[in-house]
Amino acid sequence: MQELIQQLQAKAGLTTEQAAQSIEVIKEYVKGKLPPFIAGTVDNWFAGMSDKTETKKEGLLDQAGDFLENVKDKAEDWAEDAKDKVSDFFNKDKKGA
């Protein structure tokens, strides 16, 4: 996360505090646009950005790709569950008719 803060300072002229606050605003905005079952992934992604124990830091684009892949997987799971529930609903309705 420090790398992102430094880029915000260099490119946008923000102070360290402003850059950190900007990241928090962006994080909350993204979480608000996602379904609740995926929003936790945003916290994990940002937490991973500040993990100091990593020996090899991934680039921001790599981390974004991982995040989006995780979101895609969760969305596919959700869609499959929804499809099953709808199918069960209609199959139950046919049996009752």
N, C-alpha and C. Protein backbone atom coordinates (compact mmCIF):
# COMPACT_ATOMS: atom_id res chain seq x y z
N MET A 1 0.83 -1.18 0.00
CA MET A 1 0.00 0.00 0.00
C MET A 1 0.88 1.25 0.00
N GLN A 2 2.05 1.11 0.58
CA GLN A 2 2.96 2.25 0.63
C GLN A 2 3.31 2.74 -0.77
N GLU A 3 3.46 1.80 -1.69
CA GLU A 3 3.77 2.17 -3.07
C GLU A 3 2.66 3.03 -3.68
N LEU A 4 1.42 2.67 -3.41
CA LEU A 4 0.28 3.44 -3.92
C LEU A 4 0.24 4.82 -3.27
N ILE A 5 0.51 4.88 -1.98
CA ILE A 5 0.55 6.18 -1.29
C ILE A 5 1.63 7.06 -1.90
N GLN A 6 2.79 6.48 -2.17
CA GLN A 6 3.87 7.25 -2.77
C GLN A 6 3.51 7.76 -4.16
N GLN A 7 2.81 6.93 -4.93
CA GLN A 7 2.39 7.37 -6.26
C GLN A 7 1.38 8.50 -6.18
N LEU A 8 0.45 8.41 -5.23
CA LEU A 8 -0.52 9.49 -5.06
C LEU A 8 0.18 10.78 -4.63
N GLN A 9 1.19 10.67 -3.81
CA GLN A 9 1.95 11.85 -3.39
C GLN A 9 2.68 12.46 -4.59
N ALA A 10 3.34 11.61 -5.37
CA ALA A 10 4.14 12.11 -6.49
C ALA A 10 3.28 12.64 -7.63
N LYS A 11 2.23 11.91 -7.99
CA LYS A 11 1.44 12.26 -9.17
C LYS A 11 0.32 13.25 -8.90
N ALA A 12 -0.22 13.22 -7.67
CA ALA A 12 -1.35 14.11 -7.37
C ALA A 12 -0.97 15.20 -6.37
N GLY A 13 0.26 15.14 -5.88
CA GLY A 13 0.70 16.17 -4.94
C GLY A 13 0.02 16.09 -3.59
N LEU A 14 -0.41 14.91 -3.18
CA LEU A 14 -1.10 14.74 -1.91
C LEU A 14 -0.09 14.53 -0.78
N THR A 15 -0.51 14.89 0.43
CA THR A 15 0.30 14.54 1.61
C THR A 15 0.10 13.06 1.89
N THR A 16 0.90 12.52 2.77
CA THR A 16 0.75 11.11 3.15
C THR A 16 -0.64 10.85 3.71
N GLU A 17 -1.12 11.74 4.56
CA GLU A 17 -2.45 11.58 5.15
C GLU A 17 -3.54 11.66 4.09
N GLN A 18 -3.42 12.60 3.17
CA GLN A 18 -4.42 12.74 2.10
C GLN A 18 -4.42 11.50 1.21
N ALA A 19 -3.25 10.99 0.91
CA ALA A 19 -3.16 9.80 0.06
C ALA A 19 -3.80 8.60 0.75
N ALA A 20 -3.50 8.41 2.02
CA ALA A 20 -4.08 7.29 2.77
C ALA A 20 -5.60 7.43 2.86
N GLN A 21 -6.07 8.65 3.08
CA GLN A 21 -7.51 8.88 3.16
C GLN A 21 -8.16 8.65 1.79
N SER A 22 -7.50 9.03 0.72
CA SER A 22 -8.02 8.79 -0.63
C SER A 22 -8.19 7.30 -0.89
N ILE A 23 -7.21 6.53 -0.46
CA ILE A 23 -7.30 5.08 -0.64
C ILE A 23 -8.49 4.52 0.12
N GLU A 24 -8.71 5.00 1.34
CA GLU A 24 -9.86 4.54 2.13
C GLU A 24 -11.18 4.89 1.44
N VAL A 25 -11.27 6.09 0.88
CA VAL A 25 -12.48 6.51 0.18
C VAL A 25 -12.72 5.61 -1.03
N ILE A 26 -11.68 5.34 -1.78
CA ILE A 26 -11.79 4.47 -2.96
C ILE A 26 -12.22 3.07 -2.54
N LYS A 27 -11.60 2.55 -1.48
CA LYS A 27 -11.94 1.22 -1.00
C LYS A 27 -13.42 1.13 -0.61
N GLU A 28 -13.90 2.10 0.14
CA GLU A 28 -15.31 2.11 0.56
C GLU A 28 -16.25 2.27 -0.64
N TYR A 29 -15.84 3.07 -1.62
CA TYR A 29 -16.65 3.27 -2.82
C TYR A 29 -16.78 1.94 -3.58
N VAL A 30 -15.67 1.27 -3.78
CA VAL A 30 -15.70 -0.01 -4.51
C VAL A 30 -16.55 -1.02 -3.75
N LYS A 31 -16.37 -1.10 -2.43
CA LYS A 31 -17.17 -2.03 -1.63
C LYS A 31 -18.66 -1.74 -1.76
N GLY A 32 -19.02 -0.47 -1.83
CA GLY A 32 -20.42 -0.09 -1.95
C GLY A 32 -21.04 -0.46 -3.29
N LYS A 33 -20.21 -0.65 -4.30
CA LYS A 33 -20.71 -0.99 -5.63
C LYS A 33 -20.80 -2.50 -5.86
N LEU A 34 -20.31 -3.28 -4.92
CA LEU A 34 -20.29 -4.74 -5.08
C LEU A 34 -21.35 -5.38 -4.20
N PRO A 35 -21.82 -6.55 -4.59
CA PRO A 35 -22.73 -7.29 -3.70
C PRO A 35 -22.02 -7.60 -2.38
N PRO A 36 -22.77 -7.68 -1.29
CA PRO A 36 -22.15 -7.88 0.03
C PRO A 36 -21.23 -9.10 0.11
N PHE A 37 -21.58 -10.18 -0.58
CA PHE A 37 -20.76 -11.38 -0.48
C PHE A 37 -19.40 -11.22 -1.17
N ILE A 38 -19.24 -10.19 -1.97
CA ILE A 38 -17.96 -9.94 -2.64
C ILE A 38 -17.21 -8.80 -1.97
N ALA A 39 -17.92 -7.93 -1.28
CA ALA A 39 -17.30 -6.73 -0.70
C ALA A 39 -16.14 -7.05 0.23
N GLY A 40 -16.20 -8.17 0.93
CA GLY A 40 -15.11 -8.55 1.82
C GLY A 40 -13.81 -8.79 1.07
N THR A 41 -13.92 -9.14 -0.19
CA THR A 41 -12.73 -9.36 -1.00
C THR A 41 -11.93 -8.07 -1.15
N VAL A 42 -12.62 -6.95 -1.18
CA VAL A 42 -11.94 -5.66 -1.29
C VAL A 42 -11.05 -5.44 -0.07
N ASP A 43 -11.59 -5.74 1.13
CA ASP A 43 -10.78 -5.60 2.35
C ASP A 43 -9.56 -6.50 2.28
N ASN A 44 -9.75 -7.73 1.82
CA ASN A 44 -8.64 -8.67 1.72
C ASN A 44 -7.58 -8.17 0.73
N TRP A 45 -8.04 -7.62 -0.38
CA TRP A 45 -7.12 -7.13 -1.39
C TRP A 45 -6.29 -5.98 -0.86
N PHE A 46 -6.96 -5.02 -0.21
CA PHE A 46 -6.23 -3.88 0.34
C PHE A 46 -5.34 -4.31 1.50
N ALA A 47 -5.79 -5.26 2.30
CA ALA A 47 -4.95 -5.77 3.39
C ALA A 47 -3.70 -6.44 2.81
N GLY A 48 -3.87 -7.15 1.72
CA GLY A 48 -2.73 -7.79 1.07
C GLY A 48 -1.74 -6.79 0.53
N MET A 49 -2.22 -5.62 0.15
CA MET A 49 -1.33 -4.58 -0.36
C MET A 49 -0.39 -4.08 0.73
N SER A 50 -0.84 -4.10 1.98
CA SER A 50 -0.01 -3.56 3.05
C SER A 50 0.70 -4.65 3.84
N ASP A 51 0.60 -5.89 3.39
CA ASP A 51 1.24 -7.00 4.07
C ASP A 51 2.75 -6.88 3.94
N LYS A 52 3.43 -6.65 5.04
CA LYS A 52 4.88 -6.42 5.03
C LYS A 52 5.67 -7.72 4.99
N THR A 53 5.01 -8.88 5.22
CA THR A 53 5.74 -10.13 5.29
C THR A 53 5.98 -10.74 3.92
N GLU A 54 5.39 -10.16 2.90
CA GLU A 54 5.59 -10.69 1.55
C GLU A 54 7.05 -10.52 1.15
N THR A 55 7.63 -11.59 0.63
CA THR A 55 9.00 -11.47 0.16
C THR A 55 9.03 -10.92 -1.25
N LYS A 56 8.07 -11.29 -2.04
CA LYS A 56 8.00 -10.80 -3.41
C LYS A 56 6.72 -9.99 -3.55
N LYS A 57 6.85 -8.71 -3.73
CA LYS A 57 5.69 -7.85 -3.91
C LYS A 57 5.18 -7.98 -5.33
N GLU A 58 3.90 -8.21 -5.44
CA GLU A 58 3.29 -8.21 -6.75
C GLU A 58 3.03 -6.77 -7.16
N GLY A 59 3.00 -6.53 -8.44
CA GLY A 59 2.66 -5.21 -8.93
C GLY A 59 1.18 -4.93 -8.73
N LEU A 60 0.82 -3.68 -8.76
CA LEU A 60 -0.57 -3.28 -8.57
C LEU A 60 -1.47 -3.92 -9.61
N LEU A 61 -1.01 -4.01 -10.85
CA LEU A 61 -1.84 -4.63 -11.89
C LEU A 61 -2.03 -6.11 -11.64
N ASP A 62 -1.02 -6.80 -11.14
CA ASP A 62 -1.15 -8.21 -10.78
C ASP A 62 -2.17 -8.38 -9.67
N GLN A 63 -2.09 -7.52 -8.66
CA GLN A 63 -3.04 -7.60 -7.55
C GLN A 63 -4.45 -7.30 -8.02
N ALA A 64 -4.61 -6.33 -8.90
CA ALA A 64 -5.93 -6.01 -9.44
C ALA A 64 -6.47 -7.20 -10.23
N GLY A 65 -5.61 -7.84 -11.01
CA GLY A 65 -6.02 -9.01 -11.77
C GLY A 65 -6.47 -10.14 -10.85
N ASP A 66 -5.73 -10.37 -9.78
CA ASP A 66 -6.11 -11.40 -8.80
C ASP A 66 -7.45 -11.06 -8.17
N PHE A 67 -7.61 -9.79 -7.81
CA PHE A 67 -8.87 -9.35 -7.19
C PHE A 67 -10.04 -9.58 -8.15
N LEU A 68 -9.89 -9.18 -9.39
CA LEU A 68 -10.97 -9.34 -10.35
C LEU A 68 -11.26 -10.81 -10.64
N GLU A 69 -10.24 -11.63 -10.65
CA GLU A 69 -10.44 -13.08 -10.85
C GLU A 69 -11.24 -13.65 -9.69
N ASN A 70 -10.93 -13.21 -8.47
CA ASN A 70 -11.67 -13.67 -7.30
C ASN A 70 -13.12 -13.21 -7.36
N VAL A 71 -13.34 -11.97 -7.76
CA VAL A 71 -14.70 -11.45 -7.90
C VAL A 71 -15.46 -12.25 -8.95
N LYS A 72 -14.81 -12.54 -10.06
CA LYS A 72 -15.43 -13.31 -11.14
C LYS A 72 -15.84 -14.70 -10.63
N ASP A 73 -14.94 -15.35 -9.91
CA ASP A 73 -15.24 -16.68 -9.37
C ASP A 73 -16.43 -16.64 -8.42
N LYS A 74 -16.45 -15.65 -7.54
CA LYS A 74 -17.57 -15.54 -6.59
C LYS A 74 -18.87 -15.22 -7.32
N ALA A 75 -18.82 -14.38 -8.33
CA ALA A 75 -20.02 -14.05 -9.10
C ALA A 75 -20.53 -15.28 -9.84
N GLU A 76 -19.63 -16.09 -10.38
CA GLU A 76 -20.06 -17.32 -11.05
C GLU A 76 -20.71 -18.28 -10.07
N ASP A 77 -20.14 -18.39 -8.87
CA ASP A 77 -20.74 -19.24 -7.84
C ASP A 77 -22.13 -18.74 -7.48
N TRP A 78 -22.26 -17.43 -7.31
CA TRP A 78 -23.55 -16.84 -6.95
C TRP A 78 -24.57 -17.09 -8.06
N ALA A 79 -24.15 -16.92 -9.31
CA ALA A 79 -25.05 -17.13 -10.44
C ALA A 79 -25.49 -18.59 -10.51
N GLU A 80 -24.58 -19.51 -10.26
CA GLU A 80 -24.92 -20.94 -10.28
C GLU A 80 -25.91 -21.27 -9.16
N ASP A 81 -25.69 -20.71 -7.97
CA ASP A 81 -26.64 -20.92 -6.86
C ASP A 81 -28.01 -20.35 -7.20
N ALA A 82 -28.04 -19.16 -7.79
CA ALA A 82 -29.31 -18.54 -8.17
C ALA A 82 -30.03 -19.39 -9.21
N LYS A 83 -29.30 -19.89 -10.19
CA LYS A 83 -29.88 -20.74 -11.22
C LYS A 83 -30.48 -22.00 -10.60
N ASP A 84 -29.77 -22.61 -9.68
CA ASP A 84 -30.28 -23.81 -9.01
C ASP A 84 -31.56 -23.51 -8.23
N LYS A 85 -31.59 -22.40 -7.55
CA LYS A 85 -32.78 -22.04 -6.77
C LYS A 85 -33.98 -21.78 -7.67
N VAL A 86 -33.74 -21.09 -8.77
CA VAL A 86 -34.84 -20.83 -9.71
C VAL A 86 -35.33 -22.14 -10.32
N SER A 87 -34.41 -23.00 -10.69
CA SER A 87 -34.79 -24.31 -11.26
C SER A 87 -35.58 -25.11 -10.25
N ASP A 88 -35.12 -25.14 -9.00
CA ASP A 88 -35.84 -25.86 -7.95
C ASP A 88 -37.24 -25.29 -7.76
N PHE A 89 -37.36 -23.98 -7.80
CA PHE A 89 -38.65 -23.34 -7.63
C PHE A 89 -39.63 -23.77 -8.72
N PHE A 90 -39.18 -23.73 -9.96
CA PHE A 90 -40.06 -24.10 -11.06
C PHE A 90 -40.33 -25.60 -11.10
N ASN A 91 -39.36 -26.41 -10.74
CA ASN A 91 -39.58 -27.85 -10.70
C ASN A 91 -40.55 -28.22 -9.60
N LYS A 92 -40.48 -27.55 -8.47
CA LYS A 92 -41.41 -27.79 -7.36
C LYS A 92 -42.81 -27.37 -7.78
N ASP A 93 -42.89 -26.26 -8.53
CA ASP A 93 -44.19 -25.76 -8.99
C ASP A 93 -44.82 -26.74 -9.97
N LYS A 94 -44.04 -27.37 -10.84
CA LYS A 94 -44.56 -28.34 -11.81
C LYS A 94 -45.05 -29.59 -11.11
N LYS A 95 -44.38 -30.02 -10.05
CA LYS A 95 -44.79 -31.22 -9.33
C LYS A 95 -46.11 -31.00 -8.61
N GLY A 96 -46.34 -29.78 -8.17
CA GLY A 96 -47.56 -29.45 -7.45
C GLY A 96 -48.75 -29.26 -8.36
N ALA A 97 -48.53 -29.07 -9.66
CA ALA A 97 -49.63 -28.78 -10.60
C ALA A 97 -50.34 -30.02 -11.05
